[in-house]
Every structure is written in structure tokens, then in C-alpha cells.
Amino acid sequence: MITNEQRQLIHQFVVIDMAQRSIKSDIELYEKYTDRLKMTKIYMKIINELAESIHQEYHNIKRLLNLNKIQVGRWQRVDDTHSNYYYIYQGIEDALMYNNLQLKNEVENMLIQRLTG
């Protein structure tokens, strides 16, 4: 059974992972529609710096998970409102269930906090 500290570490990873996925998706959209934006260079600079910051933290948390012998694996949408993040600890697979809207809001708040410092 995982400890509360390990559960918190998995949660941090989930938030960072979702942030990284969201930023990657947004970058692809920005690149596709750059001709519609007037300040493309500014927006791309901000989003790329944010992506780099998230990428570094992703790897730091991943390293901590490895030290705790925890593998965070796949993500699966359960229904319109919930998703599961699966992890393996001591050879046993388990999942943490998340409310999609709450997770989205937490990711947004974390990214805003990073931007406003």
C-alpha cells in the first residue's frame, strides 16, 4: 500500500503530466493557426518557456517516482466526468480516480501560478 507522501507524489505527476499534454496540444494549435494571431512570437515564447519548465519538473517527479519504485502508467477516461491514472507499486497495479473538471482546473491554476510567479 502506498503512503500519503507517495500518493501526493503520484498526484503531482498526474497534474504535471496533464499540463504537459495540454501545452503540447495548444502548441500544435498555435502552430496551425499562427496566421490568425497578431502577436505570435510573444505567445509562442511564453508557451515554449512554460513547456520547458513543465518538462523539467516532469522529469524531476518521474525520477522521484522511480526512487520510490512507483511506475505511473496509463491514463484512461472512465466516462465524461472521470478518468483513472494507473500506477504500479510493489508489483500491484492500482488507480487513482480524478474528476476531469477538477483536474483541469488544478492544472490551469498551477500554470497560472507559474506564469505569475
C-alpha atoms as a PDB file:
ATOM      1  CA  MET A   1       0.000   0.000   0.000  1.00  0.00           C
ATOM      2  CA  ILE A   2       1.307   3.452  -0.856  1.00  0.00           C
ATOM      3  CA  THR A   3       1.871   6.121   1.761  1.00  0.00           C
ATOM      4  CA  ASN A   4       0.212   9.536   1.726  1.00  0.00           C
ATOM      5  CA  GLU A   5       3.526  11.055   0.593  1.00  0.00           C
ATOM      6  CA  GLN A   6       3.710   8.627  -2.327  1.00  0.00           C
ATOM      7  CA  ARG A   7       0.067   9.344  -3.220  1.00  0.00           C
ATOM      8  CA  GLN A   8       0.880  13.070  -3.214  1.00  0.00           C
ATOM      9  CA  LEU A   9       3.892  12.420  -5.461  1.00  0.00           C
ATOM     10  CA  ILE A  10       1.693  10.476  -7.894  1.00  0.00           C
ATOM     11  CA  HIS A  11      -0.815  13.334  -7.804  1.00  0.00           C
ATOM     12  CA  GLN A  12       1.920  15.868  -8.598  1.00  0.00           C
ATOM     13  CA  PHE A  13       2.945  13.700 -11.525  1.00  0.00           C
ATOM     14  CA  VAL A  14      -0.644  13.490 -12.780  1.00  0.00           C
ATOM     15  CA  VAL A  15      -1.010  17.290 -12.688  1.00  0.00           C
ATOM     16  CA  ILE A  16       2.341  17.855 -14.422  1.00  0.00           C
ATOM     17  CA  ASP A  17       1.584  15.148 -16.993  1.00  0.00           C
ATOM     18  CA  MET A  18      -1.775  16.712 -17.825  1.00  0.00           C
ATOM     19  CA  ALA A  19      -0.187  20.153 -18.029  1.00  0.00           C
ATOM     20  CA  GLN A  20       2.458  18.827 -20.399  1.00  0.00           C
ATOM     21  CA  ARG A  21      -0.172  17.142 -22.588  1.00  0.00           C
ATOM     22  CA  SER A  22      -2.315  20.281 -22.649  1.00  0.00           C
ATOM     23  CA  ILE A  23       0.574  22.570 -23.538  1.00  0.00           C
ATOM     24  CA  LYS A  24       1.700  20.227 -26.301  1.00  0.00           C
ATOM     25  CA  SER A  25      -1.810  20.224 -27.734  1.00  0.00           C
ATOM     26  CA  ASP A  26      -2.026  24.004 -27.516  1.00  0.00           C
ATOM     27  CA  ILE A  27       1.355  24.446 -29.214  1.00  0.00           C
ATOM     28  CA  GLU A  28       0.121  22.311 -32.104  1.00  0.00           C
ATOM     29  CA  LEU A  29      -2.986  24.504 -32.396  1.00  0.00           C
ATOM     30  CA  TYR A  30      -0.932  27.706 -32.219  1.00  0.00           C
ATOM     31  CA  GLU A  31       1.384  26.446 -34.937  1.00  0.00           C
ATOM     32  CA  LYS A  32      -1.573  25.513 -37.101  1.00  0.00           C
ATOM     33  CA  TYR A  33      -3.263  28.899 -36.755  1.00  0.00           C
ATOM     34  CA  THR A  34      -0.322  31.294 -36.390  1.00  0.00           C
ATOM     35  CA  ASP A  35      -1.553  33.350 -39.313  1.00  0.00           C
ATOM     36  CA  ARG A  36      -4.635  34.293 -37.253  1.00  0.00           C
ATOM     37  CA  LEU A  37      -2.653  35.638 -34.298  1.00  0.00           C
ATOM     38  CA  LYS A  38      -1.182  39.116 -34.286  1.00  0.00           C
ATOM     39  CA  MET A  39       1.389  38.505 -31.557  1.00  0.00           C
ATOM     40  CA  THR A  40       2.513  35.002 -32.498  1.00  0.00           C
ATOM     41  CA  LYS A  41       6.151  35.437 -31.426  1.00  0.00           C
ATOM     42  CA  ILE A  42       5.198  36.627 -27.959  1.00  0.00           C
ATOM     43  CA  TYR A  43       2.643  33.878 -27.387  1.00  0.00           C
ATOM     44  CA  MET A  44       4.967  31.176 -28.662  1.00  0.00           C
ATOM     45  CA  LYS A  45       7.837  32.434 -26.474  1.00  0.00           C
ATOM     46  CA  ILE A  46       5.630  32.329 -23.366  1.00  0.00           C
ATOM     47  CA  ILE A  47       4.166  28.918 -24.108  1.00  0.00           C
ATOM     48  CA  ASN A  48       7.537  27.404 -25.039  1.00  0.00           C
ATOM     49  CA  GLU A  49       9.145  28.670 -21.817  1.00  0.00           C
ATOM     50  CA  LEU A  50       6.227  27.252 -19.854  1.00  0.00           C
ATOM     51  CA  ALA A  51       6.548  23.944 -21.695  1.00  0.00           C
ATOM     52  CA  GLU A  52      10.268  23.758 -20.879  1.00  0.00           C
ATOM     53  CA  SER A  53       9.617  24.470 -17.204  1.00  0.00           C
ATOM     54  CA  ILE A  54       6.933  21.771 -17.090  1.00  0.00           C
ATOM     55  CA  HIS A  55       9.190  19.327 -18.947  1.00  0.00           C
ATOM     56  CA  GLN A  56      11.959  19.751 -16.373  1.00  0.00           C
ATOM     57  CA  GLU A  57       9.576  19.240 -13.453  1.00  0.00           C
ATOM     58  CA  TYR A  58       8.035  16.214 -15.185  1.00  0.00           C
ATOM     59  CA  HIS A  59      11.446  14.524 -15.268  1.00  0.00           C
ATOM     60  CA  ASN A  60      12.239  15.512 -11.668  1.00  0.00           C
ATOM     61  CA  ILE A  61       8.995  13.976 -10.389  1.00  0.00           C
ATOM     62  CA  LYS A  62       9.465  10.924 -12.616  1.00  0.00           C
ATOM     63  CA  ARG A  63      12.903  10.432 -11.014  1.00  0.00           C
ATOM     64  CA  LEU A  64      11.368  10.647  -7.519  1.00  0.00           C
ATOM     65  CA  LEU A  65       8.735   8.098  -8.505  1.00  0.00           C
ATOM     66  CA  ASN A  66      11.477   5.765  -9.727  1.00  0.00           C
ATOM     67  CA  LEU A  67      13.327   6.173  -6.418  1.00  0.00           C
ATOM     68  CA  ASN A  68      10.090   5.143  -4.677  1.00  0.00           C
ATOM     69  CA  LYS A  69       9.742   2.210  -7.085  1.00  0.00           C
ATOM     70  CA  ILE A  70       6.459   3.547  -8.434  1.00  0.00           C
ATOM     71  CA  GLN A  71       5.571   3.363 -12.109  1.00  0.00           C
ATOM     72  CA  VAL A  72       2.814   5.658 -13.267  1.00  0.00           C
ATOM     73  CA  GLY A  73       1.398   4.191 -16.388  1.00  0.00           C
ATOM     74  CA  ARG A  74      -1.601   4.828 -18.458  1.00  0.00           C
ATOM     75  CA  TRP A  75      -4.427   7.258 -18.220  1.00  0.00           C
ATOM     76  CA  GLN A  76      -7.948   6.148 -19.057  1.00  0.00           C
ATOM     77  CA  ARG A  77     -11.117   8.155 -19.396  1.00  0.00           C
ATOM     78  CA  VAL A  78     -13.816   6.317 -17.422  1.00  0.00           C
ATOM     79  CA  ASP A  79     -16.739   8.476 -18.543  1.00  0.00           C
ATOM     80  CA  ASP A  80     -17.468  12.112 -19.338  1.00  0.00           C
ATOM     81  CA  THR A  81     -16.632  13.237 -15.822  1.00  0.00           C
ATOM     82  CA  HIS A  82     -13.908  10.912 -14.518  1.00  0.00           C
ATOM     83  CA  SER A  83     -10.531   9.492 -15.501  1.00  0.00           C
ATOM     84  CA  ASN A  84      -8.196   6.949 -13.906  1.00  0.00           C
ATOM     85  CA  TYR A  85      -4.428   7.170 -13.646  1.00  0.00           C
ATOM     86  CA  TYR A  86      -2.921   3.744 -13.187  1.00  0.00           C
ATOM     87  CA  TYR A  87       0.259   3.101 -11.255  1.00  0.00           C
ATOM     88  CA  ILE A  88       2.255   0.039 -10.207  1.00  0.00           C
ATOM     89  CA  TYR A  89       3.795  -0.254  -6.776  1.00  0.00           C
ATOM     90  CA  GLN A  90       5.427  -3.429  -5.472  1.00  0.00           C
ATOM     91  CA  GLY A  91       4.091  -5.329  -8.477  1.00  0.00           C
ATOM     92  CA  ILE A  92       0.471  -4.366  -7.824  1.00  0.00           C
ATOM     93  CA  GLU A  93      -1.459  -2.163 -10.229  1.00  0.00           C
ATOM     94  CA  ASP A  94      -3.916   0.319  -8.763  1.00  0.00           C
ATOM     95  CA  ALA A  95      -5.561   3.519  -9.919  1.00  0.00           C
ATOM     96  CA  LEU A  96      -6.344   6.984  -8.683  1.00  0.00           C
ATOM     97  CA  MET A  97      -9.653   8.364  -9.974  1.00  0.00           C
ATOM     98  CA  TYR A  98      -9.938  12.021 -10.887  1.00  0.00           C
ATOM     99  CA  ASN A  99     -12.832  14.304 -11.666  1.00  0.00           C
ATOM    100  CA  ASN A 100     -11.895  15.684 -15.097  1.00  0.00           C
ATOM    101  CA  LEU A 101     -13.135  19.223 -14.431  1.00  0.00           C
ATOM    102  CA  GLN A 102     -11.369  19.450 -11.068  1.00  0.00           C
ATOM    103  CA  LEU A 103      -8.149  18.152 -12.609  1.00  0.00           C
ATOM    104  CA  LYS A 104      -8.413  20.636 -15.488  1.00  0.00           C
ATOM    105  CA  ASN A 105      -8.926  23.487 -13.000  1.00  0.00           C
ATOM    106  CA  GLU A 106      -5.972  22.360 -10.903  1.00  0.00           C
ATOM    107  CA  VAL A 107      -3.746  22.208 -13.988  1.00  0.00           C
ATOM    108  CA  GLU A 108      -4.883  25.670 -15.096  1.00  0.00           C
ATOM    109  CA  ASN A 109      -4.285  27.131 -11.641  1.00  0.00           C
ATOM    110  CA  MET A 110      -0.814  25.586 -11.476  1.00  0.00           C
ATOM    111  CA  LEU A 111       0.080  27.010 -14.902  1.00  0.00           C
ATOM    112  CA  ILE A 112      -1.263  30.460 -13.990  1.00  0.00           C
ATOM    113  CA  GLN A 113       0.763  30.352 -10.777  1.00  0.00           C
ATOM    114  CA  ARG A 114       3.896  29.548 -12.790  1.00  0.00           C
ATOM    115  CA  LEU A 115       3.251  32.415 -15.171  1.00  0.00           C
ATOM    116  CA  THR A 116       2.536  34.977 -12.479  1.00  0.00           C
ATOM    117  CA  GLY A 117       5.198  33.613 -10.150  1.00  0.00           C
END
